[in-house]
Amino acid sequence: MQRSASVSSVVKKTLKDWFYHRGHREELKSIFCFWLV
């Protein structure tokens, strides 16, 4: 239980860091277009 909670927090932190460093508007737009197609 505690392990999964720590894993989810690490995943959230990683995603937040990724979006902060690489989440440029154009890049996000291309990712959304890729998933919507």
PDB file of N, CA and C in Angstrom:
ATOM      1  N   MET A   1       0.838  -1.198   0.000  1.00  0.00           N
ATOM      2  CA  MET A   1       0.000   0.000   0.000  1.00  0.00           C
ATOM      3  C   MET A   1       0.876   1.253   0.000  1.00  0.00           C
ATOM      4  N   GLN A   2       1.825   1.269   0.955  1.00  0.00           N
ATOM      5  CA  GLN A   2       2.681   2.446   1.044  1.00  0.00           C
ATOM      6  C   GLN A   2       3.607   2.534  -0.170  1.00  0.00           C
ATOM      7  N   ARG A   3       4.015   1.367  -0.667  1.00  0.00           N
ATOM      8  CA  ARG A   3       4.917   1.356  -1.814  1.00  0.00           C
ATOM      9  C   ARG A   3       4.220   1.948  -3.036  1.00  0.00           C
ATOM     10  N   SER A   4       2.981   1.544  -3.295  1.00  0.00           N
ATOM     11  CA  SER A   4       2.272   2.065  -4.460  1.00  0.00           C
ATOM     12  C   SER A   4       2.057   3.571  -4.329  1.00  0.00           C
ATOM     13  N   ALA A   5       1.826   4.036  -3.108  1.00  0.00           N
ATOM     14  CA  ALA A   5       1.639   5.472  -2.902  1.00  0.00           C
ATOM     15  C   ALA A   5       2.919   6.230  -3.250  1.00  0.00           C
ATOM     16  N   SER A   6       4.068   5.699  -2.821  1.00  0.00           N
ATOM     17  CA  SER A   6       5.331   6.369  -3.122  1.00  0.00           C
ATOM     18  C   SER A   6       5.619   6.321  -4.620  1.00  0.00           C
ATOM     19  N   VAL A   7       5.261   5.205  -5.256  1.00  0.00           N
ATOM     20  CA  VAL A   7       5.474   5.088  -6.702  1.00  0.00           C
ATOM     21  C   VAL A   7       4.635   6.121  -7.438  1.00  0.00           C
ATOM     22  N   SER A   8       3.369   6.261  -7.044  1.00  0.00           N
ATOM     23  CA  SER A   8       2.507   7.231  -7.721  1.00  0.00           C
ATOM     24  C   SER A   8       3.031   8.648  -7.525  1.00  0.00           C
ATOM     25  N   SER A   9       3.566   8.952  -6.345  1.00  0.00           N
ATOM     26  CA  SER A   9       4.104  10.289  -6.111  1.00  0.00           C
ATOM     27  C   SER A   9       5.336  10.527  -6.977  1.00  0.00           C
ATOM     28  N   VAL A  10       6.154   9.491  -7.147  1.00  0.00           N
ATOM     29  CA  VAL A  10       7.337   9.620  -8.000  1.00  0.00           C
ATOM     30  C   VAL A  10       6.920   9.830  -9.447  1.00  0.00           C
ATOM     31  N   VAL A  11       5.910   9.086  -9.878  1.00  0.00           N
ATOM     32  CA  VAL A  11       5.419   9.239 -11.250  1.00  0.00           C
ATOM     33  C   VAL A  11       4.875  10.643 -11.457  1.00  0.00           C
ATOM     34  N   LYS A  12       4.116  11.134 -10.502  1.00  0.00           N
ATOM     35  CA  LYS A  12       3.571  12.490 -10.626  1.00  0.00           C
ATOM     36  C   LYS A  12       4.690  13.515 -10.698  1.00  0.00           C
ATOM     37  N   LYS A  13       5.713  13.341  -9.864  1.00  0.00           N
ATOM     38  CA  LYS A  13       6.833  14.284  -9.870  1.00  0.00           C
ATOM     39  C   LYS A  13       7.562  14.240 -11.210  1.00  0.00           C
ATOM     40  N   THR A  14       7.751  13.022 -11.742  1.00  0.00           N
ATOM     41  CA  THR A  14       8.432  12.881 -13.025  1.00  0.00           C
ATOM     42  C   THR A  14       7.640  13.553 -14.134  1.00  0.00           C
ATOM     43  N   LEU A  15       6.333  13.328 -14.146  1.00  0.00           N
ATOM     44  CA  LEU A  15       5.489  13.946 -15.165  1.00  0.00           C
ATOM     45  C   LEU A  15       5.525  15.462 -15.034  1.00  0.00           C
ATOM     46  N   LYS A  16       5.481  15.951 -13.798  1.00  0.00           N
ATOM     47  CA  LYS A  16       5.496  17.391 -13.585  1.00  0.00           C
ATOM     48  C   LYS A  16       6.807  17.980 -14.077  1.00  0.00           C
ATOM     49  N   ASP A  17       7.926  17.314 -13.756  1.00  0.00           N
ATOM     50  CA  ASP A  17       9.232  17.790 -14.212  1.00  0.00           C
ATOM     51  C   ASP A  17       9.301  17.778 -15.735  1.00  0.00           C
ATOM     52  N   TRP A  18       8.760  16.701 -16.348  1.00  0.00           N
ATOM     53  CA  TRP A  18       8.806  16.589 -17.803  1.00  0.00           C
ATOM     54  C   TRP A  18       8.016  17.709 -18.454  1.00  0.00           C
ATOM     55  N   PHE A  19       6.812  17.948 -17.916  1.00  0.00           N
ATOM     56  CA  PHE A  19       5.991  19.015 -18.488  1.00  0.00           C
ATOM     57  C   PHE A  19       6.626  20.374 -18.239  1.00  0.00           C
ATOM     58  N   TYR A  20       7.293  20.526 -17.092  1.00  0.00           N
ATOM     59  CA  TYR A  20       7.911  21.814 -16.783  1.00  0.00           C
ATOM     60  C   TYR A  20       9.082  22.088 -17.724  1.00  0.00           C
ATOM     61  N   HIS A  21       9.897  21.069 -17.978  1.00  0.00           N
ATOM     62  CA  HIS A  21      11.101  21.272 -18.774  1.00  0.00           C
ATOM     63  C   HIS A  21      10.820  21.196 -20.266  1.00  0.00           C
ATOM     64  N   ARG A  22       9.926  20.273 -20.672  1.00  0.00           N
ATOM     65  CA  ARG A  22       9.752  20.020 -22.099  1.00  0.00           C
ATOM     66  C   ARG A  22       8.351  20.315 -22.580  1.00  0.00           C
ATOM     67  N   GLY A  23       7.462  20.738 -21.651  1.00  0.00           N
ATOM     68  CA  GLY A  23       6.069  20.930 -22.039  1.00  0.00           C
ATOM     69  C   GLY A  23       5.832  22.243 -22.754  1.00  0.00           C
ATOM     70  N   HIS A  24       6.537  22.472 -23.854  1.00  0.00           N
ATOM     71  CA  HIS A  24       6.300  23.669 -24.638  1.00  0.00           C
ATOM     72  C   HIS A  24       4.970  23.541 -25.365  1.00  0.00           C
ATOM     73  N   ARG A  25       4.364  24.660 -25.665  1.00  0.00           N
ATOM     74  CA  ARG A  25       3.024  24.657 -26.244  1.00  0.00           C
ATOM     75  C   ARG A  25       2.976  23.870 -27.547  1.00  0.00           C
ATOM     76  N   GLU A  26       3.937  24.074 -28.424  1.00  0.00           N
ATOM     77  CA  GLU A  26       3.940  23.365 -29.706  1.00  0.00           C
ATOM     78  C   GLU A  26       4.106  21.873 -29.497  1.00  0.00           C
ATOM     79  N   GLU A  27       4.963  21.505 -28.557  1.00  0.00           N
ATOM     80  CA  GLU A  27       5.207  20.089 -28.310  1.00  0.00           C
ATOM     81  C   GLU A  27       3.957  19.431 -27.764  1.00  0.00           C
ATOM     82  N   LEU A  28       3.287  20.089 -26.822  1.00  0.00           N
ATOM     83  CA  LEU A  28       2.045  19.546 -26.278  1.00  0.00           C
ATOM     84  C   LEU A  28       0.998  19.422 -27.373  1.00  0.00           C
ATOM     85  N   LYS A  29       0.941  20.416 -28.261  1.00  0.00           N
ATOM     86  CA  LYS A  29      -0.044  20.385 -29.338  1.00  0.00           C
ATOM     87  C   LYS A  29       0.199  19.185 -30.243  1.00  0.00           C
ATOM     88  N   SER A  30       1.464  18.929 -30.572  1.00  0.00           N
ATOM     89  CA  SER A  30       1.773  17.792 -31.442  1.00  0.00           C
ATOM     90  C   SER A  30       1.438  16.478 -30.748  1.00  0.00           C
ATOM     91  N   ILE A  31       1.680  16.400 -29.424  1.00  0.00           N
ATOM     92  CA  ILE A  31       1.350  15.182 -28.686  1.00  0.00           C
ATOM     93  C   ILE A  31      -0.156  14.969 -28.683  1.00  0.00           C
ATOM     94  N   PHE A  32      -0.924  16.026 -28.425  1.00  0.00           N
ATOM     95  CA  PHE A  32      -2.378  15.891 -28.417  1.00  0.00           C
ATOM     96  C   PHE A  32      -2.884  15.497 -29.795  1.00  0.00           C
ATOM     97  N   CYS A  33      -2.321  16.098 -30.843  1.00  0.00           N
ATOM     98  CA  CYS A  33      -2.737  15.740 -32.201  1.00  0.00           C
ATOM     99  C   CYS A  33      -2.424  14.278 -32.474  1.00  0.00           C
ATOM    100  N   PHE A  34      -1.266  13.829 -32.017  1.00  0.00           N
ATOM    101  CA  PHE A  34      -0.868  12.443 -32.231  1.00  0.00           C
ATOM    102  C   PHE A  34      -1.859  11.495 -31.576  1.00  0.00           C
ATOM    103  N   TRP A  35      -2.284  11.814 -30.341  1.00  0.00           N
ATOM    104  CA  TRP A  35      -3.190  10.912 -29.618  1.00  0.00           C
ATOM    105  C   TRP A  35      -4.609  11.011 -30.144  1.00  0.00           C
ATOM    106  N   LEU A  36      -4.981  12.179 -30.686  1.00  0.00           N
ATOM    107  CA  LEU A  36      -6.363  12.340 -31.155  1.00  0.00           C
ATOM    108  C   LEU A  36      -6.573  11.689 -32.509  1.00  0.00           C
ATOM    109  N   VAL A  37      -5.513  11.560 -33.286  1.00  0.00           N
ATOM    110  CA  VAL A  37      -5.653  10.979 -34.631  1.00  0.00           C
ATOM    111  C   VAL A  37      -5.930   9.485 -34.516  1.00  0.00           C
TER     112      VAL A  37
END
